C-alpha atoms as a PDB file:
ATOM      1  CA  MET A   1      12.639  -7.368  27.813  1.00  0.00           C
ATOM      2  CA  ASP A   2      11.608  -3.734  27.703  1.00  0.00           C
ATOM      3  CA  PHE A   3      10.625  -1.735  30.778  1.00  0.00           C
ATOM      4  CA  GLU A   4       9.166   1.690  31.297  1.00  0.00           C
ATOM      5  CA  LEU A   5       9.301   3.635  34.555  1.00  0.00           C
ATOM      6  CA  ASN A   6       6.976   6.590  34.960  1.00  0.00           C
ATOM      7  CA  TRP A   7       5.423   8.815  37.588  1.00  0.00           C
ATOM      8  CA  ILE A   8       1.737   8.757  38.422  1.00  0.00           C
ATOM      9  CA  ARG A   9       0.564  12.041  39.882  1.00  0.00           C
ATOM     10  CA  ASP A  10      -1.375  11.687  43.102  1.00  0.00           C
ATOM     11  CA  ASP A  11      -1.043  13.089  46.609  1.00  0.00           C
ATOM     12  CA  ARG A  12       2.131  11.044  47.175  1.00  0.00           C
ATOM     13  CA  ARG A  13       3.655  11.530  43.689  1.00  0.00           C
ATOM     14  CA  SER A  14       3.860   7.766  43.334  1.00  0.00           C
ATOM     15  CA  VAL A  15       6.087   5.979  40.856  1.00  0.00           C
ATOM     16  CA  SER A  16       5.096   3.054  38.689  1.00  0.00           C
ATOM     17  CA  VAL A  17       6.952   0.456  36.675  1.00  0.00           C
ATOM     18  CA  ILE A  18       5.440  -0.990  33.531  1.00  0.00           C
ATOM     19  CA  PRO A  19       7.119  -4.141  32.251  1.00  0.00           C
ATOM     20  CA  VAL A  20       6.566  -4.688  28.554  1.00  0.00           C
ATOM     21  CA  PHE A  21       6.504  -8.404  27.883  1.00  0.00           C
ATOM     22  CA  GLY A  22       7.815 -10.022  24.768  1.00  0.00           C
ATOM     23  CA  GLY A  23       9.510 -13.067  26.162  1.00  0.00           C
ATOM     24  CA  GLY A  24      12.258 -12.786  28.686  1.00  0.00           C
ATOM     25  CA  LEU A  25      13.238 -13.745  32.174  1.00  0.00           C
ATOM     26  CA  ILE A  26      10.118 -12.733  34.099  1.00  0.00           C
ATOM     27  CA  PRO A  27       7.475 -15.435  33.796  1.00  0.00           C
ATOM     28  CA  ASP A  28       4.618 -14.033  31.699  1.00  0.00           C
ATOM     29  CA  SER A  29       2.128 -15.826  33.931  1.00  0.00           C
ATOM     30  CA  ASP A  30       2.226 -13.548  36.991  1.00  0.00           C
ATOM     31  CA  PRO A  31       4.699 -10.648  36.817  1.00  0.00           C
ATOM     32  CA  ARG A  32       2.639  -8.591  39.225  1.00  0.00           C
ATOM     33  CA  LEU A  33       4.578  -9.892  42.206  1.00  0.00           C
ATOM     34  CA  PHE A  34       7.857  -8.348  41.052  1.00  0.00           C
ATOM     35  CA  VAL A  35       6.116  -5.082  40.170  1.00  0.00           C
ATOM     36  CA  GLY A  36       4.270  -5.168  43.492  1.00  0.00           C
ATOM     37  CA  PHE A  37       7.564  -5.505  45.364  1.00  0.00           C
ATOM     38  CA  LEU A  38       9.033  -2.430  43.670  1.00  0.00           C
ATOM     39  CA  GLU A  39       5.946  -0.251  43.991  1.00  0.00           C
ATOM     40  CA  ASP A  40       4.922  -1.145  47.559  1.00  0.00           C
ATOM     41  CA  THR A  41       5.373   1.935  49.749  1.00  0.00           C
ATOM     42  CA  GLY A  42       2.847   0.957  52.393  1.00  0.00           C
ATOM     43  CA  GLY A  43       1.148   4.328  51.961  1.00  0.00           C
ATOM     44  CA  CYS A  44       4.340   6.249  52.744  1.00  0.00           C
ATOM     45  CA  ASP A  45       6.401   8.541  50.527  1.00  0.00           C
ATOM     46  CA  TYR A  46       7.497   7.161  47.168  1.00  0.00           C
ATOM     47  CA  ASP A  47      11.127   6.791  48.259  1.00  0.00           C
ATOM     48  CA  VAL A  48      10.551   5.023  51.586  1.00  0.00           C
ATOM     49  CA  ASN A  49      12.180   1.746  50.440  1.00  0.00           C
ATOM     50  CA  ILE A  50      15.192   3.240  48.664  1.00  0.00           C
ATOM     51  CA  PRO A  51      17.653   2.777  51.583  1.00  0.00           C
ATOM     52  CA  GLY A  52      16.682  -0.902  51.887  1.00  0.00           C
ATOM     53  CA  PHE A  53      16.801  -1.369  48.107  1.00  0.00           C
ATOM     54  CA  ILE A  54      20.294   0.164  48.005  1.00  0.00           C
ATOM     55  CA  GLU A  55      21.488  -2.164  50.759  1.00  0.00           C
ATOM     56  CA  LEU A  56      20.043  -5.165  48.896  1.00  0.00           C
ATOM     57  CA  LYS A  57      21.601  -4.015  45.604  1.00  0.00           C
ATOM     58  CA  ASN A  58      25.019  -3.690  47.261  1.00  0.00           C
ATOM     59  CA  LYS A  59      24.749  -7.133  48.871  1.00  0.00           C
ATOM     60  CA  ILE A  60      23.858  -8.716  45.526  1.00  0.00           C
ATOM     61  CA  HIS A  61      26.764  -6.964  43.833  1.00  0.00           C
ATOM     62  CA  GLU A  62      29.291  -7.931  46.516  1.00  0.00           C
ATOM     63  CA  SER A  63      28.160 -11.449  47.435  1.00  0.00           C
ATOM     64  CA  LYS A  64      25.708 -12.907  44.911  1.00  0.00           C
ATOM     65  CA  TYR A  65      26.849 -16.511  45.509  1.00  0.00           C
ATOM     66  CA  ASP A  66      27.847 -16.241  49.176  1.00  0.00           C
ATOM     67  CA  ASP A  67      25.082 -18.024  51.080  1.00  0.00           C
ATOM     68  CA  SER A  68      26.449 -16.771  54.398  1.00  0.00           C
ATOM     69  CA  VAL A  69      25.281 -13.254  53.484  1.00  0.00           C
ATOM     70  CA  VAL A  70      21.523 -12.780  53.787  1.00  0.00           C
ATOM     71  CA  LYS A  71      20.305 -11.015  50.678  1.00  0.00           C
ATOM     72  CA  SER A  72      16.668 -10.211  51.283  1.00  0.00           C
ATOM     73  CA  TYR A  73      14.427  -7.211  51.812  1.00  0.00           C
ATOM     74  CA  CYS A  74      10.759  -6.870  52.671  1.00  0.00           C
ATOM     75  CA  THR A  75       8.481  -3.967  51.914  1.00  0.00           C
ATOM     76  CA  GLU A  76       5.194  -3.760  53.791  1.00  0.00           C
ATOM     77  CA  SER A  77       3.618  -6.573  51.778  1.00  0.00           C
ATOM     78  CA  TRP A  78       6.345  -8.169  49.634  1.00  0.00           C
ATOM     79  CA  CYS A  79       9.688  -9.879  50.164  1.00  0.00           C
ATOM     80  CA  ALA A  80      12.587 -10.552  47.812  1.00  0.00           C
ATOM     81  CA  GLU A  81      15.192 -13.170  48.665  1.00  0.00           C
ATOM     82  CA  VAL A  82      18.262 -13.689  46.497  1.00  0.00           C
ATOM     83  CA  LYS A  83      19.938 -17.097  46.338  1.00  0.00           C
ATOM     84  CA  GLY A  84      22.564 -17.189  43.615  1.00  0.00           C
ATOM     85  CA  ASP A  85      20.986 -16.994  40.166  1.00  0.00           C
ATOM     86  CA  VAL A  86      17.407 -17.098  41.468  1.00  0.00           C
ATOM     87  CA  THR A  87      15.464 -14.365  43.256  1.00  0.00           C
ATOM     88  CA  ASN A  88      12.204 -15.301  44.951  1.00  0.00           C
ATOM     89  CA  ILE A  89       9.497 -12.645  45.275  1.00  0.00           C
ATOM     90  CA  SER A  90       6.770 -13.576  47.742  1.00  0.00           C
ATOM     91  CA  PHE A  91       3.758 -12.056  49.444  1.00  0.00           C
ATOM     92  CA  ALA A  92       4.764 -11.330  53.040  1.00  0.00           C
ATOM     93  CA  TYR A  93       1.520 -12.710  54.447  1.00  0.00           C
ATOM     94  CA  ASP A  94       1.440 -15.914  52.379  1.00  0.00           C
ATOM     95  CA  GLU A  95       4.789 -17.251  51.125  1.00  0.00           C
ATOM     96  CA  SER A  96       3.020 -19.724  48.847  1.00  0.00           C
ATOM     97  CA  TYR A  97       2.051 -16.735  46.676  1.00  0.00           C
ATOM     98  CA  CYS A  98       5.426 -16.275  45.008  1.00  0.00           C
ATOM     99  CA  GLU A  99       7.441 -16.209  41.805  1.00  0.00           C
ATOM    100  CA  ASN A 100      11.066 -16.880  40.959  1.00  0.00           C
ATOM    101  CA  MET A 101      13.054 -14.741  38.574  1.00  0.00           C
ATOM    102  CA  ASP A 102      16.586 -14.462  37.287  1.00  0.00           C
ATOM    103  CA  THR A 103      18.760 -12.543  39.765  1.00  0.00           C
ATOM    104  CA  GLU A 104      20.579 -10.644  37.026  1.00  0.00           C
ATOM    105  CA  LEU A 105      17.279  -9.290  35.712  1.00  0.00           C
ATOM    106  CA  PHE A 106      16.123  -8.456  39.242  1.00  0.00           C
ATOM    107  CA  TYR A 107      19.407  -6.659  39.952  1.00  0.00           C
ATOM    108  CA  ARG A 108      19.387  -4.616  36.750  1.00  0.00           C
ATOM    109  CA  VAL A 109      15.776  -3.480  37.157  1.00  0.00           C
ATOM    110  CA  LEU A 110      16.351  -2.739  40.853  1.00  0.00           C
ATOM    111  CA  CYS A 111      19.323  -0.497  39.940  1.00  0.00           C
ATOM    112  CA  GLU A 112      17.242   1.387  37.352  1.00  0.00           C
ATOM    113  CA  TRP A 113      14.373   1.730  39.847  1.00  0.00           C
ATOM    114  CA  ILE A 114      16.637   3.152  42.560  1.00  0.00           C
ATOM    115  CA  ASP A 115      18.183   5.696  40.202  1.00  0.00           C
ATOM    116  CA  PHE A 116      14.811   6.753  38.760  1.00  0.00           C
ATOM    117  CA  VAL A 117      13.140   7.194  42.152  1.00  0.00           C
ATOM    118  CA  GLN A 118      16.128   9.117  43.546  1.00  0.00           C
ATOM    119  CA  GLN A 119      15.842  11.602  40.668  1.00  0.00           C
ATOM    120  CA  GLY A 120      12.303  12.406  41.779  1.00  0.00           C
ATOM    121  CA  PRO A 121       9.133  13.091  39.842  1.00  0.00           C
ATOM    122  CA  GLY A 122      10.167  16.436  38.390  1.00  0.00           C
ATOM    123  CA  GLU A 123       8.642  19.808  39.035  1.00  0.00           C
ATOM    124  CA  ASP A 124       5.921  21.928  37.468  1.00  0.00           C
ATOM    125  CA  GLY A 125       4.030  19.010  35.957  1.00  0.00           C
ATOM    126  CA  ASP A 126       7.118  17.459  34.372  1.00  0.00           C
ATOM    127  CA  SER A 127       6.847  13.682  34.680  1.00  0.00           C
ATOM    128  CA  PRO A 128      10.041  11.957  33.559  1.00  0.00           C
ATOM    129  CA  ILE A 129       9.763   8.586  31.853  1.00  0.00           C
ATOM    130  CA  ARG A 130      12.606   6.098  31.603  1.00  0.00           C
ATOM    131  CA  LYS A 131      12.614   3.275  29.093  1.00  0.00           C
ATOM    132  CA  PHE A 132      15.254   0.566  29.162  1.00  0.00           C
ATOM    133  CA  THR A 133      15.879  -2.975  28.018  1.00  0.00           C
ATOM    134  CA  VAL A 134      17.362  -5.818  30.033  1.00  0.00           C
END
């Protein structure tokens, strides 16, 4: 599956992820939940969730199959919970609005997202774009 990360210029210099679907591990039916989780800043700066995303990434890396370690993170409106090979993305205000995805895919995109956001949107109108395949 191909992904593209890019910056959208607005007052907050927000970042956006565009998944390009052609079959893969994200269900084609409703991928907006995963994208919503990554992009949800709650109206704050574009990097507000990076510390929590890094902590979640490290927990997945160190203890993917250890159920005694809680591997979840919630943005303002979305939650991700990792249980072995399956990651559940749900709306924080209605857990019935959810999707499951492969944890390896979630982890790889999360790592790319963290790195891209930490690099920042560029200066003087430069808007970096990152394309990658998982």
